[in-house]
């Protein structure tokens, strides 16, 4: 008698937010690359700044809460990298870090949901 695996539980609000941030960062980065290199539009950095501000601020706030609770990890270094990229006007690097951080957290929450549904 074979049991079919139970359905994967729905994503929490926090993981949905990470998914939207990751997708928004991906769209912003691709939009920048297409407009800057495809159409030679030199004023397209506003897309990357929007990614850093709209996606990076919620990530930095959650990292600040973790740091306040004494939880330091690689995510903390990513937060410092986002701030540094913004200060040094390296917007593409900052947007890529936002994509990596939010995408990693979204994948991690999916893996946890998937593993708990199997158990």
N, C-alpha and C. Protein backbone atom coordinates (compact mmCIF):
# COMPACT_ATOMS: atom_id res chain seq x y z
N UNK A 1 0.84 -1.17 0.00
CA UNK A 1 0.00 0.00 0.00
C UNK A 1 0.89 1.24 0.00
N UNK A 2 0.77 2.00 -1.02
CA UNK A 2 1.62 3.17 -1.20
C UNK A 2 0.89 4.42 -0.76
N UNK A 3 1.59 5.22 0.02
CA UNK A 3 1.02 6.50 0.45
C UNK A 3 1.53 7.60 -0.45
N UNK A 4 0.64 8.43 -0.89
CA UNK A 4 1.09 9.59 -1.66
C UNK A 4 1.52 10.67 -0.69
N UNK A 5 2.55 11.42 -1.07
CA UNK A 5 3.02 12.47 -0.15
C UNK A 5 1.95 13.54 0.04
N UNK A 6 1.92 14.06 1.26
CA UNK A 6 0.95 15.11 1.55
C UNK A 6 1.33 16.37 0.79
N UNK A 7 0.35 17.21 0.49
CA UNK A 7 0.66 18.43 -0.25
C UNK A 7 1.58 19.34 0.56
N UNK A 8 2.33 20.14 -0.17
CA UNK A 8 3.26 21.07 0.47
C UNK A 8 2.45 22.17 1.15
N UNK A 9 2.75 22.46 2.43
CA UNK A 9 2.01 23.53 3.12
C UNK A 9 2.19 24.87 2.41
N UNK A 10 1.20 25.73 2.58
CA UNK A 10 1.25 27.04 1.95
C UNK A 10 2.38 27.87 2.54
N UNK A 11 2.88 28.77 1.72
CA UNK A 11 3.97 29.64 2.14
C UNK A 11 3.46 30.65 3.16
N UNK A 12 4.31 30.97 4.11
CA UNK A 12 3.96 31.98 5.10
C UNK A 12 4.06 33.37 4.46
N UNK A 13 3.58 34.35 5.17
CA UNK A 13 3.62 35.73 4.67
C UNK A 13 5.07 36.19 4.46
N UNK A 14 5.96 35.80 5.37
CA UNK A 14 7.36 36.21 5.25
C UNK A 14 8.02 35.58 4.03
N UNK A 15 7.72 34.31 3.76
CA UNK A 15 8.33 33.68 2.59
C UNK A 15 7.73 34.23 1.30
N UNK A 16 6.44 34.59 1.31
CA UNK A 16 5.86 35.24 0.14
C UNK A 16 6.53 36.57 -0.13
N UNK A 17 6.83 37.29 0.93
CA UNK A 17 7.52 38.58 0.76
C UNK A 17 8.90 38.36 0.15
N UNK A 18 9.62 37.32 0.58
CA UNK A 18 10.94 37.03 0.02
C UNK A 18 10.83 36.68 -1.46
N UNK A 19 9.80 35.95 -1.83
CA UNK A 19 9.60 35.58 -3.23
C UNK A 19 9.34 36.83 -4.07
N UNK A 20 8.49 37.74 -3.58
CA UNK A 20 8.20 38.97 -4.32
C UNK A 20 9.44 39.86 -4.43
N UNK A 21 10.22 39.91 -3.37
CA UNK A 21 11.45 40.71 -3.42
C UNK A 21 12.41 40.12 -4.44
N UNK A 22 12.57 38.80 -4.44
CA UNK A 22 13.48 38.15 -5.38
C UNK A 22 13.02 38.36 -6.82
N UNK A 23 11.73 38.20 -7.08
CA UNK A 23 11.22 38.41 -8.43
C UNK A 23 11.35 39.87 -8.86
N UNK A 24 11.07 40.79 -7.94
CA UNK A 24 11.23 42.21 -8.26
C UNK A 24 12.67 42.58 -8.54
N UNK A 25 13.59 42.00 -7.76
CA UNK A 25 15.01 42.25 -7.99
C UNK A 25 15.44 41.70 -9.34
N UNK A 26 14.96 40.51 -9.68
CA UNK A 26 15.31 39.92 -10.96
C UNK A 26 14.79 40.77 -12.12
N UNK A 27 13.55 41.23 -12.02
CA UNK A 27 12.97 42.08 -13.07
C UNK A 27 13.74 43.40 -13.17
N UNK A 28 14.09 43.99 -12.03
CA UNK A 28 14.83 45.25 -12.04
C UNK A 28 16.21 45.10 -12.64
N UNK A 29 16.90 44.02 -12.31
CA UNK A 29 18.25 43.80 -12.85
C UNK A 29 18.19 43.55 -14.35
N UNK A 30 17.26 42.71 -14.79
CA UNK A 30 17.13 42.44 -16.22
C UNK A 30 16.72 43.71 -16.97
N UNK A 31 15.80 44.49 -16.39
CA UNK A 31 15.41 45.75 -17.01
C UNK A 31 16.58 46.70 -17.14
N UNK A 32 17.41 46.76 -16.12
CA UNK A 32 18.60 47.62 -16.18
C UNK A 32 19.54 47.15 -17.27
N UNK A 33 19.82 45.85 -17.31
CA UNK A 33 20.77 45.33 -18.29
C UNK A 33 20.28 45.56 -19.72
N UNK A 34 18.98 45.34 -19.93
CA UNK A 34 18.43 45.54 -21.28
C UNK A 34 18.47 47.02 -21.66
N UNK A 35 18.06 47.90 -20.75
CA UNK A 35 18.03 49.32 -21.10
C UNK A 35 19.42 49.92 -21.20
N UNK A 36 20.33 49.47 -20.34
CA UNK A 36 21.67 50.06 -20.35
C UNK A 36 22.53 49.53 -21.49
N UNK A 37 22.52 48.22 -21.68
CA UNK A 37 23.39 47.63 -22.69
C UNK A 37 22.68 47.38 -24.01
N UNK A 38 21.38 47.13 -23.97
CA UNK A 38 20.65 46.87 -25.20
C UNK A 38 20.28 48.14 -25.95
N UNK A 39 19.84 49.16 -25.20
CA UNK A 39 19.39 50.39 -25.82
C UNK A 39 20.32 51.57 -25.54
N UNK A 40 21.43 51.32 -24.86
CA UNK A 40 22.43 52.35 -24.53
C UNK A 40 21.81 53.53 -23.80
N UNK A 41 20.85 53.24 -22.93
CA UNK A 41 20.22 54.29 -22.12
C UNK A 41 21.04 54.42 -20.84
N UNK A 42 21.74 55.51 -20.70
CA UNK A 42 22.70 55.64 -19.61
C UNK A 42 22.07 56.02 -18.28
N UNK A 43 20.81 56.46 -18.27
CA UNK A 43 20.17 56.87 -17.02
C UNK A 43 19.26 55.79 -16.47
N UNK A 44 19.65 54.54 -16.57
CA UNK A 44 18.79 53.45 -16.13
C UNK A 44 19.15 52.94 -14.74
N UNK A 45 20.04 53.62 -14.05
CA UNK A 45 20.43 53.20 -12.71
C UNK A 45 19.28 53.33 -11.72
N UNK A 46 18.26 54.11 -12.06
CA UNK A 46 17.11 54.25 -11.16
C UNK A 46 16.43 52.91 -10.92
N UNK A 47 16.49 51.99 -11.89
CA UNK A 47 15.92 50.66 -11.70
C UNK A 47 16.64 49.91 -10.58
N UNK A 48 17.95 50.01 -10.57
CA UNK A 48 18.73 49.33 -9.54
C UNK A 48 18.55 49.98 -8.18
N UNK A 49 18.45 51.30 -8.17
CA UNK A 49 18.22 52.00 -6.90
C UNK A 49 16.86 51.61 -6.34
N UNK A 50 15.87 51.46 -7.21
CA UNK A 50 14.55 51.02 -6.76
C UNK A 50 14.60 49.62 -6.19
N UNK A 51 15.38 48.74 -6.81
CA UNK A 51 15.53 47.37 -6.29
C UNK A 51 16.16 47.41 -4.91
N UNK A 52 17.20 48.21 -4.76
CA UNK A 52 17.90 48.28 -3.47
C UNK A 52 16.99 48.88 -2.40
N UNK A 53 16.26 49.92 -2.74
CA UNK A 53 15.41 50.55 -1.74
C UNK A 53 14.17 49.72 -1.42
N UNK A 54 13.46 49.26 -2.45
CA UNK A 54 12.22 48.52 -2.22
C UNK A 54 12.46 47.10 -1.71
N UNK A 55 13.54 46.49 -2.16
CA UNK A 55 13.84 45.14 -1.71
C UNK A 55 14.82 45.09 -0.56
N UNK A 56 15.76 46.02 -0.56
CA UNK A 56 16.80 45.99 0.46
C UNK A 56 16.36 46.46 1.83
N UNK A 57 15.46 47.44 1.87
CA UNK A 57 15.02 47.97 3.17
C UNK A 57 14.29 46.91 4.00
N UNK A 58 13.32 46.16 3.43
CA UNK A 58 12.71 45.10 4.26
C UNK A 58 13.72 44.04 4.70
N UNK A 59 14.66 43.72 3.82
CA UNK A 59 15.69 42.74 4.19
C UNK A 59 16.58 43.28 5.30
N UNK A 60 16.96 44.54 5.20
CA UNK A 60 17.82 45.14 6.22
C UNK A 60 17.09 45.26 7.56
N UNK A 61 15.79 45.53 7.51
CA UNK A 61 15.03 45.60 8.76
C UNK A 61 14.96 44.23 9.44
N UNK A 62 14.74 43.18 8.66
CA UNK A 62 14.71 41.84 9.26
C UNK A 62 16.09 41.44 9.77
N UNK A 63 17.14 41.86 9.08
CA UNK A 63 18.50 41.58 9.56
C UNK A 63 18.81 42.35 10.84
N UNK A 64 18.29 43.57 10.94
CA UNK A 64 18.50 44.36 12.15
C UNK A 64 17.80 43.71 13.35
N UNK A 65 16.60 43.15 13.11
CA UNK A 65 15.89 42.45 14.19
C UNK A 65 16.69 41.22 14.65
N UNK A 66 17.25 40.50 13.68
CA UNK A 66 18.06 39.33 14.02
C UNK A 66 19.32 39.75 14.79
N UNK A 67 19.95 40.84 14.35
CA UNK A 67 21.16 41.31 15.03
C UNK A 67 20.83 41.77 16.44
N UNK A 68 19.68 42.41 16.63
CA UNK A 68 19.27 42.86 17.95
C UNK A 68 19.06 41.67 18.88
N UNK A 69 18.60 40.55 18.31
CA UNK A 69 18.39 39.33 19.09
C UNK A 69 19.68 38.54 19.28
N UNK A 70 20.78 39.02 18.71
CA UNK A 70 22.07 38.36 18.87
C UNK A 70 22.33 37.26 17.86
N UNK A 71 21.55 37.21 16.79
CA UNK A 71 21.73 36.20 15.75
C UNK A 71 22.52 36.80 14.59
N UNK A 72 23.79 36.48 14.54
CA UNK A 72 24.64 36.97 13.45
C UNK A 72 25.01 35.80 12.55
N UNK A 73 25.05 36.05 11.27
CA UNK A 73 25.39 35.01 10.31
C UNK A 73 25.85 35.63 9.01
N UNK A 74 25.85 34.82 7.97
CA UNK A 74 26.27 35.30 6.66
C UNK A 74 25.30 36.35 6.13
N UNK A 75 24.04 36.27 6.55
CA UNK A 75 23.06 37.25 6.12
C UNK A 75 23.44 38.66 6.59
N UNK A 76 24.04 38.73 7.76
CA UNK A 76 24.47 40.02 8.30
C UNK A 76 25.52 40.65 7.39
N UNK A 77 26.44 39.83 6.89
CA UNK A 77 27.46 40.34 5.96
C UNK A 77 26.83 40.81 4.65
N UNK A 78 25.78 40.12 4.22
CA UNK A 78 25.07 40.54 3.01
C UNK A 78 24.41 41.90 3.23
N UNK A 79 23.86 42.12 4.41
CA UNK A 79 23.27 43.41 4.73
C UNK A 79 24.29 44.53 4.71
N UNK A 80 25.46 44.26 5.27
CA UNK A 80 26.54 45.25 5.23
C UNK A 80 26.95 45.52 3.78
N UNK A 81 26.96 44.48 2.96
CA UNK A 81 27.33 44.63 1.55
C UNK A 81 26.31 45.47 0.79
N UNK A 82 25.04 45.32 1.11
CA UNK A 82 24.01 46.14 0.46
C UNK A 82 24.22 47.61 0.79
N UNK A 83 24.44 47.90 2.07
CA UNK A 83 24.66 49.29 2.49
C UNK A 83 25.92 49.87 1.85
N UNK A 84 26.98 49.07 1.81
CA UNK A 84 28.24 49.53 1.23
C UNK A 84 28.10 49.77 -0.26
N UNK A 85 27.40 48.89 -0.96
CA UNK A 85 27.19 49.07 -2.40
C UNK A 85 26.40 50.34 -2.67
N UNK A 86 25.43 50.63 -1.83
CA UNK A 86 24.64 51.86 -2.00
C UNK A 86 25.51 53.09 -1.75
N UNK A 87 26.35 53.05 -0.72
CA UNK A 87 27.22 54.19 -0.42
C UNK A 87 28.28 54.41 -1.50
N UNK A 88 28.78 53.32 -2.08
CA UNK A 88 29.81 53.43 -3.12
C UNK A 88 29.23 53.58 -4.52
N UNK A 89 27.91 53.68 -4.60
CA UNK A 89 27.19 53.82 -5.86
C UNK A 89 27.45 52.66 -6.82
N UNK A 90 27.60 51.49 -6.26
CA UNK A 90 27.71 50.25 -7.04
C UNK A 90 26.35 49.57 -7.00
N UNK A 91 25.40 50.15 -7.73
CA UNK A 91 24.02 49.74 -7.63
C UNK A 91 23.76 48.34 -8.16
N UNK A 92 24.47 47.94 -9.21
CA UNK A 92 24.28 46.60 -9.75
C UNK A 92 24.71 45.55 -8.74
N UNK A 93 25.82 45.77 -8.08
CA UNK A 93 26.28 44.82 -7.06
C UNK A 93 25.29 44.75 -5.90
N UNK A 94 24.78 45.89 -5.47
CA UNK A 94 23.80 45.90 -4.39
C UNK A 94 22.51 45.18 -4.77
N UNK A 95 22.05 45.38 -6.01
CA UNK A 95 20.83 44.72 -6.46
C UNK A 95 21.04 43.21 -6.56
N UNK A 96 22.20 42.79 -6.99
CA UNK A 96 22.49 41.36 -7.07
C UNK A 96 22.52 40.75 -5.67
N UNK A 97 23.05 41.46 -4.71
CA UNK A 97 23.07 40.96 -3.33
C UNK A 97 21.65 40.86 -2.79
N UNK A 98 20.80 41.83 -3.11
CA UNK A 98 19.38 41.75 -2.71
C UNK A 98 18.74 40.51 -3.31
N UNK A 99 19.02 40.25 -4.59
CA UNK A 99 18.48 39.07 -5.25
C UNK A 99 19.00 37.79 -4.60
N UNK A 100 20.28 37.73 -4.32
CA UNK A 100 20.86 36.53 -3.70
C UNK A 100 20.28 36.29 -2.31
N UNK A 101 20.17 37.33 -1.52
CA UNK A 101 19.69 37.19 -0.14
C UNK A 101 18.22 36.80 -0.11
N UNK A 102 17.40 37.49 -0.87
CA UNK A 102 15.96 37.16 -0.86
C UNK A 102 15.69 35.83 -1.54
N UNK A 103 16.38 35.55 -2.61
CA UNK A 103 16.21 34.26 -3.28
C UNK A 103 16.66 33.10 -2.42
N UNK A 104 17.74 33.28 -1.69
CA UNK A 104 18.21 32.23 -0.78
C UNK A 104 17.23 31.96 0.35
N UNK A 105 16.67 33.03 0.90
CA UNK A 105 15.70 32.86 1.98
C UNK A 105 14.40 32.22 1.47
N UNK A 106 14.00 32.59 0.26
CA UNK A 106 12.80 31.98 -0.32
C UNK A 106 13.01 30.50 -0.59
N UNK A 107 14.17 30.13 -1.11
CA UNK A 107 14.48 28.71 -1.35
C UNK A 107 14.57 27.93 -0.05
N UNK A 108 15.14 28.56 0.97
CA UNK A 108 15.26 27.90 2.27
C UNK A 108 13.88 27.62 2.88
N UNK A 109 12.98 28.59 2.80
CA UNK A 109 11.65 28.37 3.36
C UNK A 109 10.89 27.32 2.56
N UNK A 110 11.09 27.28 1.24
CA UNK A 110 10.45 26.24 0.43
C UNK A 110 10.98 24.87 0.82
N UNK A 111 12.29 24.76 1.02
CA UNK A 111 12.88 23.47 1.39
C UNK A 111 12.38 23.01 2.76
N UNK A 112 12.22 23.94 3.69
CA UNK A 112 11.72 23.59 5.01
C UNK A 112 10.28 23.12 4.92
N UNK A 113 9.46 23.82 4.14
CA UNK A 113 8.06 23.40 3.97
C UNK A 113 7.99 22.04 3.31
N UNK A 114 8.82 21.82 2.32
CA UNK A 114 8.81 20.54 1.60
C UNK A 114 9.24 19.41 2.51
N UNK A 115 10.30 19.63 3.30
CA UNK A 115 10.77 18.59 4.20
C UNK A 115 9.75 18.30 5.30
N UNK A 116 9.09 19.31 5.81
CA UNK A 116 8.10 19.08 6.87
C UNK A 116 6.86 18.39 6.33
N UNK A 117 6.55 18.58 5.06
CA UNK A 117 5.38 17.90 4.50
C UNK A 117 5.67 16.40 4.29
N UNK A 118 6.91 16.07 4.04
CA UNK A 118 7.28 14.67 3.86
C UNK A 118 7.29 13.94 5.20
N UNK A 119 7.68 14.65 6.24
CA UNK A 119 7.72 14.01 7.58
C UNK A 119 6.33 13.87 8.11
